[in-house]
Structures are given as C-alpha cells and as structure tokens.
C-alpha cells in the first residue's frame, strides 16, 4: 500500500527523469545528481509503493511499469497544480498577470525558442514563458489553465477549443544522403516498401500519419517498422542507416541543410499539414494573453523553419 505521507516531489521527479531519459546516468545529468542518488530515490519510492516502477524496455532503456505510469500521471497533475498556483501568486503580488504561458508539443521545439524570442522583443512588458511536452501533457496543461495557449499539429476532438491555423507543417521521408532512393525521381511505392520504416510510438501523431500514408500507397502491403521514442532518436537511426522515416520537415531542417540527411521524393509527398494555435473555448483570455495570441496569428508562420 502506498504511504502518501512519505512520498516526496524529489522522488517523483527522479522517476520522471529516468522514464524520460531511459537511463540512470542520463537522468542524473538532467537532475544534477549522481546515478546512485537517483537510484536511491527510485528504490525508496518503490519501497513506499510496494512494487517495481521501472522495467527494461526492448532497447535496454528503462520504461515505466503500470504502477510507475500511474505515479507519472499524478506527477503531471501535481506539476500543473503547482504551476497554476505559482502564476496566481505572481498575479496577486504584481496587481496584474503580465505573463503568458505558451505550450508547444515536442515536435515544435525546433522553432518554439525563436518564436518566444520574437514575442519578447515585441512585448517587453509581458513575460512570455515556454513549456514543451507531449500532446497529452500540453492538452492537460491547457485544460488546467497552466498554459494560455498551445501550438499543436492536430486540434483535439474531445475538448472545446478554438483552433487558428498559423502556418504550414510539411512531412517528408528522410534517408541517409547516399541512399539510392534519394536519387529516384520519384521513388516508387514498391521501393519504399522494401525499406524499414522508423516510427514514433503507437498513438503519436507521426505514427498515425505514417500508417495512413503507407496504407494509402500500399493497398494492403505489409511493411517493416521499428518504433522509437523520440524524433532525435529516429534522426540518428536514419543517419546510421537503420531505415527511413516519415517525419516533420521542421525537425530535420539543419540536417538537410548540412547534408547529414536527404529527402526522398515520392508521389504524395510532402504531406502538407497545418500548425494550429489552440486556446480554450470556455475561457476568457486575459489582455496580455490576447495580445500575444493575436501577434502569433499575425506572424503567419514566418517563425517556422524554411
């Protein structure tokens, strides 16, 4: 049985770091602790819960057990509650909010800092903060008022929101620069299906898009796929020659420009999607948030990678 009075935020943050980074060493670096210290936090938490919270995944990295995921879900809600509390306290102390929290899904981390820098230059009197996370984390933050607005590639269907298109979001297939299909004009479906596709985890937007694309051009043909946990891992795996991948063009701009990756031309590519600026339909935006929201819309995607 879980002893709630003995559980600490430090233990939950150690669990989150290991589940996110996949190794104790990487988690320790992220937290500024030693690997034994992180291991000790996890062991103490497992003793409190009475069951393992992490297990080895298919690639040797640590992944959460069902009990571990339950704690991670609670940790996300706790963080949202604490962030909301901090924003309210700041507003009370300052007399007005003067701050805007912008959420961006992980794929948008390649342009989000540039966008926030432009917003801070445009609004020196408003503190614009950036929060990056998974789609589910950002929608949960929006529902809990921990962020004022979110940049997403797909508006949610089960949440009342206002979705404003703010720019194009193309998807391409990437391969090593010396791959034979990068010289095909265009590559044929049969050529693509002879390759191994590197994909994000099931349920992610990229996984869904890849599956739909291959189903559409393959007419039922089976394909080989390897799932990976992040766009960065997929990029490095493609560079290493483990396969090809359908991925957001905005995540590989630097690699394409430097020649470490190349795109494959094929019928139906690029897949043109759209970035949306999402806000709650049932909530009234404050003056600062409204100014930032309208300014992002007016930029018309000029902050996106070219």
Protein backbone atom coordinates (compact mmCIF):
# COMPACT_ATOMS: atom_id res chain seq x y z
CA UNK A 1 0.00 0.00 0.00
CA UNK A 2 1.28 3.46 -0.93
CA UNK A 3 2.22 5.60 2.09
CA UNK A 4 1.30 9.02 0.72
CA UNK A 5 2.66 10.96 3.70
CA UNK A 6 6.19 9.68 2.98
CA UNK A 7 6.18 10.37 -0.78
CA UNK A 8 8.18 13.42 -1.97
CA UNK A 9 8.29 15.52 -5.11
CA UNK A 10 12.01 14.76 -5.40
CA UNK A 11 11.23 11.05 -5.71
CA UNK A 12 8.57 11.67 -8.36
CA UNK A 13 10.93 13.92 -10.32
CA UNK A 14 13.60 11.22 -10.21
CA UNK A 15 11.09 8.72 -11.61
CA UNK A 16 10.09 11.18 -14.34
CA UNK A 17 13.71 11.81 -15.30
CA UNK A 18 14.55 8.10 -15.62
CA UNK A 19 11.36 7.36 -17.57
CA UNK A 20 12.06 10.29 -19.91
CA UNK A 21 15.82 9.81 -20.37
CA UNK A 22 15.80 6.00 -20.32
CA UNK A 23 18.95 5.57 -18.19
CA UNK A 24 20.04 6.42 -14.67
CA UNK A 25 23.12 8.22 -15.96
CA UNK A 26 21.16 10.49 -18.29
CA UNK A 27 18.54 11.14 -15.61
CA UNK A 28 21.27 12.02 -13.11
CA UNK A 29 22.74 14.55 -15.53
CA UNK A 30 19.31 16.05 -16.09
CA UNK A 31 18.70 16.40 -12.32
CA UNK A 32 22.22 17.44 -11.35
CA UNK A 33 22.63 14.38 -9.14
CA UNK A 34 24.77 11.25 -9.13
CA UNK A 35 23.38 8.00 -10.59
CA UNK A 36 23.46 6.31 -7.14
CA UNK A 37 21.43 9.20 -5.71
CA UNK A 38 18.80 8.82 -8.44
CA UNK A 39 18.79 5.04 -7.92
CA UNK A 40 18.25 5.60 -4.20
CA UNK A 41 15.27 7.88 -4.85
CA UNK A 42 13.68 5.26 -7.12
CA UNK A 43 14.32 2.42 -4.65
CA UNK A 44 12.77 4.42 -1.80
CA UNK A 45 9.73 5.19 -3.95
CA UNK A 46 9.37 1.53 -4.94
CA UNK A 47 9.51 0.55 -1.26
CA UNK A 48 6.72 3.02 -0.50
CA UNK A 49 4.58 1.71 -3.35
CA UNK A 50 5.42 -1.93 -2.77
CA UNK A 51 6.09 -2.81 -6.42
CA UNK A 52 8.60 -2.09 -9.22
CA UNK A 53 8.07 1.21 -11.02
CA UNK A 54 10.51 0.70 -13.92
CA UNK A 55 11.39 -2.18 -16.21
CA UNK A 56 13.80 -2.74 -19.07
CA UNK A 57 12.33 -1.94 -22.50
CA UNK A 58 13.00 -3.63 -25.82
CA UNK A 59 16.07 -1.43 -26.44
CA UNK A 60 17.51 -1.81 -22.93
CA UNK A 61 16.20 1.52 -21.70
CA UNK A 62 14.04 1.94 -18.62
CA UNK A 63 10.28 2.28 -19.20
CA UNK A 64 7.57 2.68 -16.52
CA UNK A 65 5.51 -0.24 -15.26
CA UNK A 66 1.75 0.25 -14.90
CA UNK A 67 2.31 1.38 -11.31
CA UNK A 68 5.09 3.68 -12.45
CA UNK A 69 2.88 5.24 -15.13
CA UNK A 70 0.15 5.85 -12.53
CA UNK A 71 2.66 7.82 -10.44
CA UNK A 72 3.87 9.71 -13.51
CA UNK A 73 0.28 10.70 -14.37
CA UNK A 74 -0.14 12.00 -10.82
CA UNK A 75 3.20 13.84 -11.07
CA UNK A 76 1.98 15.63 -14.23
CA UNK A 77 -1.18 16.79 -12.46
CA UNK A 78 0.81 17.90 -9.42
CA UNK A 79 3.14 19.97 -11.62
CA UNK A 80 0.18 21.60 -13.34
CA UNK A 81 -1.38 22.44 -9.98
CA UNK A 82 1.89 23.92 -8.70
CA UNK A 83 2.44 25.94 -11.88
CA UNK A 84 -1.12 27.26 -11.73
CA UNK A 85 -0.62 28.19 -8.08
CA UNK A 86 2.66 29.98 -8.86
CA UNK A 87 1.02 32.01 -11.63
CA UNK A 88 -1.85 33.02 -9.35
CA UNK A 89 0.54 34.10 -6.57
CA UNK A 90 2.56 36.12 -9.08
CA UNK A 91 -0.59 37.82 -10.34
CA UNK A 92 -1.68 38.72 -6.79
CA UNK A 93 1.72 40.17 -5.92
CA UNK A 94 2.03 42.21 -9.12
CA UNK A 95 -1.53 43.52 -9.33
CA UNK A 96 -1.96 42.07 -12.84
CA UNK A 97 -0.73 38.97 -14.62
CA UNK A 98 1.80 40.43 -17.03
CA UNK A 99 2.77 36.91 -18.01
CA UNK A 100 1.72 34.49 -20.72
CA UNK A 101 2.47 30.76 -20.81
CA UNK A 102 2.81 29.23 -24.27
CA UNK A 103 2.70 25.45 -24.66
CA UNK A 104 4.27 23.70 -27.64
CA UNK A 105 4.34 19.99 -28.45
CA UNK A 106 7.75 18.34 -28.64
CA UNK A 107 7.94 18.50 -32.45
CA UNK A 108 7.67 22.27 -32.19
CA UNK A 109 10.80 22.62 -30.04
CA UNK A 110 12.79 23.29 -33.20
CA UNK A 111 11.09 26.65 -33.75
CA UNK A 112 9.49 27.49 -30.37
CA UNK A 113 12.54 29.30 -28.87
CA UNK A 114 12.75 31.52 -31.97
CA UNK A 115 9.04 32.33 -31.64
CA UNK A 116 9.33 33.19 -27.94
CA UNK A 117 12.35 35.42 -28.61
CA UNK A 118 10.30 37.37 -31.18
CA UNK A 119 7.41 37.67 -28.75
CA UNK A 120 9.66 39.03 -26.00
CA UNK A 121 11.09 41.62 -28.38
CA UNK A 122 7.57 42.62 -29.43
CA UNK A 123 6.21 42.75 -25.86
CA UNK A 124 8.89 43.88 -23.44
CA UNK A 125 6.24 44.36 -20.75
CA UNK A 126 4.96 40.77 -20.94
CA UNK A 127 6.84 37.77 -19.57
CA UNK A 128 6.35 35.02 -22.14
CA UNK A 129 7.25 31.58 -20.80
CA UNK A 130 7.58 28.42 -22.86
CA UNK A 131 6.55 24.91 -21.90
CA UNK A 132 7.33 21.95 -24.18
CA UNK A 133 5.89 18.46 -23.77
CA UNK A 134 3.87 15.70 -25.35
CA UNK A 135 0.49 16.35 -26.93
CA UNK A 136 -1.34 14.84 -23.95
CA UNK A 137 0.72 16.87 -21.48
CA UNK A 138 0.02 20.12 -23.32
CA UNK A 139 -3.72 19.48 -23.59
CA UNK A 140 -3.81 18.61 -19.89
CA UNK A 141 -1.95 21.84 -19.14
CA UNK A 142 -4.41 23.83 -21.27
CA UNK A 143 -7.38 22.19 -19.53
CA UNK A 144 -5.85 23.04 -16.14
CA UNK A 145 -5.05 26.66 -17.12
CA UNK A 146 -1.33 26.02 -16.67
CA UNK A 147 -0.80 27.47 -20.16
CA UNK A 148 -2.78 30.13 -22.01
CA UNK A 149 -2.46 28.62 -25.48
CA UNK A 150 -0.81 25.68 -27.22
CA UNK A 151 0.76 25.15 -30.64
CA UNK A 152 -0.40 21.77 -31.98
CA UNK A 153 -0.46 19.93 -35.28
CA UNK A 154 -3.92 18.45 -34.68
CA UNK A 155 -6.80 20.14 -32.78
CA UNK A 156 -8.32 17.84 -30.14
CA UNK A 157 -11.75 16.35 -30.76
CA UNK A 158 -12.77 15.76 -27.15
CA UNK A 159 -12.10 19.25 -25.77
CA UNK A 160 -13.88 22.54 -26.63
CA UNK A 161 -11.18 24.73 -28.18
CA UNK A 162 -10.69 27.48 -30.73
CA UNK A 163 -8.08 26.42 -33.31
CA UNK A 164 -6.47 29.07 -35.51
CA UNK A 165 -4.16 27.94 -38.35
CA UNK A 166 -0.80 29.70 -38.09
CA UNK A 167 1.41 28.04 -40.71
CA UNK A 168 2.19 25.03 -42.89
CA UNK A 169 3.57 21.81 -41.39
CA UNK A 170 5.01 19.55 -44.12
CA UNK A 171 6.04 15.92 -43.59
CA UNK A 172 8.73 14.25 -45.69
CA UNK A 173 10.55 10.91 -45.87
CA UNK A 174 14.20 11.13 -44.85
CA UNK A 175 17.12 8.82 -45.59
CA UNK A 176 20.93 8.91 -45.43
CA UNK A 177 22.33 11.20 -48.14
CA UNK A 178 23.89 8.26 -50.03
CA UNK A 179 20.69 6.20 -50.06
CA UNK A 180 19.71 5.04 -53.59
CA UNK A 181 16.12 6.26 -53.22
CA UNK A 182 17.30 9.86 -52.74
CA UNK A 183 18.29 9.75 -56.42
CA UNK A 184 14.95 8.36 -57.63
CA UNK A 185 12.57 10.84 -59.20
CA UNK A 186 10.18 9.84 -57.80
CA UNK A 187 10.64 6.72 -55.70
CA UNK A 188 8.02 4.07 -56.43
CA UNK A 189 5.81 2.56 -53.69
CA UNK A 190 7.45 -0.85 -54.19
CA UNK A 191 10.83 0.74 -53.48
CA UNK A 192 9.56 2.31 -50.27
CA UNK A 193 8.06 -0.94 -49.03
CA UNK A 194 11.40 -2.69 -49.41
CA UNK A 195 12.76 -0.40 -46.67
CA UNK A 196 12.40 -0.47 -42.88
CA UNK A 197 10.38 2.44 -41.54
CA UNK A 198 11.46 4.04 -38.25
CA UNK A 199 8.38 5.33 -36.46
CA UNK A 200 7.32 7.06 -33.27
CA UNK A 201 5.40 5.08 -30.66
CA UNK A 202 1.86 3.91 -31.36
CA UNK A 203 -0.70 6.62 -30.68
CA UNK A 204 1.57 9.52 -31.64
CA UNK A 205 0.50 11.80 -34.47
CA UNK A 206 3.53 10.85 -36.57
CA UNK A 207 2.80 7.13 -36.14
CA UNK A 208 -0.80 7.64 -37.26
CA UNK A 209 0.27 9.74 -40.25
CA UNK A 210 2.89 7.20 -41.34
CA UNK A 211 0.41 4.32 -41.08
CA UNK A 212 -2.21 6.17 -43.12
CA UNK A 213 0.31 7.13 -45.79
CA UNK A 214 1.64 3.58 -46.20
CA UNK A 215 -1.86 2.11 -46.21
CA UNK A 216 -2.87 4.57 -48.92
CA UNK A 217 0.03 3.89 -51.27
CA UNK A 218 0.47 0.20 -50.44
CA UNK A 219 -3.05 -1.14 -50.86
CA UNK A 220 -2.62 -3.65 -48.05
CA UNK A 221 1.09 -4.41 -48.49
CA UNK A 222 2.81 -5.16 -45.18
CA UNK A 223 5.86 -3.14 -44.17
CA UNK A 224 8.69 -3.44 -41.67
CA UNK A 225 8.73 -0.94 -38.84
CA UNK A 226 10.77 -0.17 -35.73
CA UNK A 227 9.26 2.11 -33.08
CA UNK A 228 11.40 4.71 -31.33
CA UNK A 229 10.66 7.12 -28.55
CA UNK A 230 11.72 10.48 -29.98
CA UNK A 231 12.39 12.37 -33.21
CA UNK A 232 16.04 12.78 -32.20
CA UNK A 233 16.46 9.00 -31.90
CA UNK A 234 14.80 8.49 -35.27
CA UNK A 235 17.07 11.06 -36.92
CA UNK A 236 20.22 9.46 -35.55
CA UNK A 237 18.98 5.99 -36.55
CA UNK A 238 18.31 7.15 -40.12
CA UNK A 239 21.76 8.76 -40.30
CA UNK A 240 23.22 5.43 -39.12
CA UNK A 241 21.43 3.59 -41.92
CA UNK A 242 18.88 1.62 -39.85
CA UNK A 243 15.97 2.67 -42.05
CA UNK A 244 13.99 5.57 -43.44
CA UNK A 245 11.32 7.68 -41.74
CA UNK A 246 8.33 9.87 -42.42
CA UNK A 247 8.91 12.89 -40.20
CA UNK A 248 8.07 16.55 -39.78
CA UNK A 249 10.26 18.61 -42.11
CA UNK A 250 10.59 21.18 -39.32
CA UNK A 251 12.53 18.67 -37.20
CA UNK A 252 15.25 17.99 -39.79
CA UNK A 253 15.94 21.41 -41.33
CA UNK A 254 19.50 21.63 -40.03
CA UNK A 255 20.35 18.05 -41.02
CA UNK A 256 19.03 18.60 -44.54
CA UNK A 257 20.97 21.84 -44.93
CA UNK A 258 24.19 20.27 -43.62
CA UNK A 259 23.84 17.19 -45.83
CA UNK A 260 23.60 14.67 -42.98
CA UNK A 261 20.14 13.70 -44.21
CA UNK A 262 18.36 13.81 -47.54
CA UNK A 263 14.70 13.65 -48.50
CA UNK A 264 13.10 11.02 -50.73
CA UNK A 265 10.80 12.26 -53.45
CA UNK A 266 7.67 10.16 -53.87
CA UNK A 267 4.10 10.54 -55.04
CA UNK A 268 2.00 12.10 -52.29
CA UNK A 269 4.95 13.83 -50.65
CA UNK A 270 5.39 16.14 -48.93
CA UNK A 271 2.27 15.61 -46.84
CA UNK A 272 1.01 19.08 -46.08
CA UNK A 273 -0.36 19.51 -42.57
CA UNK A 274 -1.02 22.68 -40.58
CA UNK A 275 0.18 24.13 -37.29
CA UNK A 276 -2.65 25.44 -35.09
CA UNK A 277 -2.72 27.86 -32.19
CA UNK A 278 -5.17 26.36 -29.69
CA UNK A 279 -6.99 28.12 -26.86
CA UNK A 280 -9.84 27.07 -24.63
CA UNK A 281 -13.30 27.86 -25.95
CA UNK A 282 -14.83 28.14 -22.48
CA UNK A 283 -12.24 30.50 -21.02
CA UNK A 284 -11.71 34.25 -21.39
CA UNK A 285 -8.14 35.23 -22.24
CA UNK A 286 -6.51 37.99 -20.25
CA UNK A 287 -5.29 41.17 -22.00
CA UNK A 288 -1.65 40.03 -22.16
CA UNK A 289 -2.55 36.59 -23.49
CA UNK A 290 -4.85 38.12 -26.09
CA UNK A 291 -2.07 40.42 -27.35
CA UNK A 292 0.37 37.52 -27.66
CA UNK A 293 -2.24 35.27 -29.28
CA UNK A 294 -3.13 37.85 -31.92
CA UNK A 295 0.52 38.60 -32.62
CA UNK A 296 1.34 34.92 -33.23
CA UNK A 297 -1.56 34.72 -35.70
CA UNK A 298 -0.33 37.87 -37.48
CA UNK A 299 3.15 36.37 -37.94
CA UNK A 300 1.57 33.88 -40.42
CA UNK A 301 4.17 31.21 -39.78
CA UNK A 302 7.19 33.42 -40.54
CA UNK A 303 8.90 31.92 -37.47
CA UNK A 304 8.77 28.39 -38.90
CA UNK A 305 11.91 26.75 -40.34
CA UNK A 306 12.30 27.17 -44.08
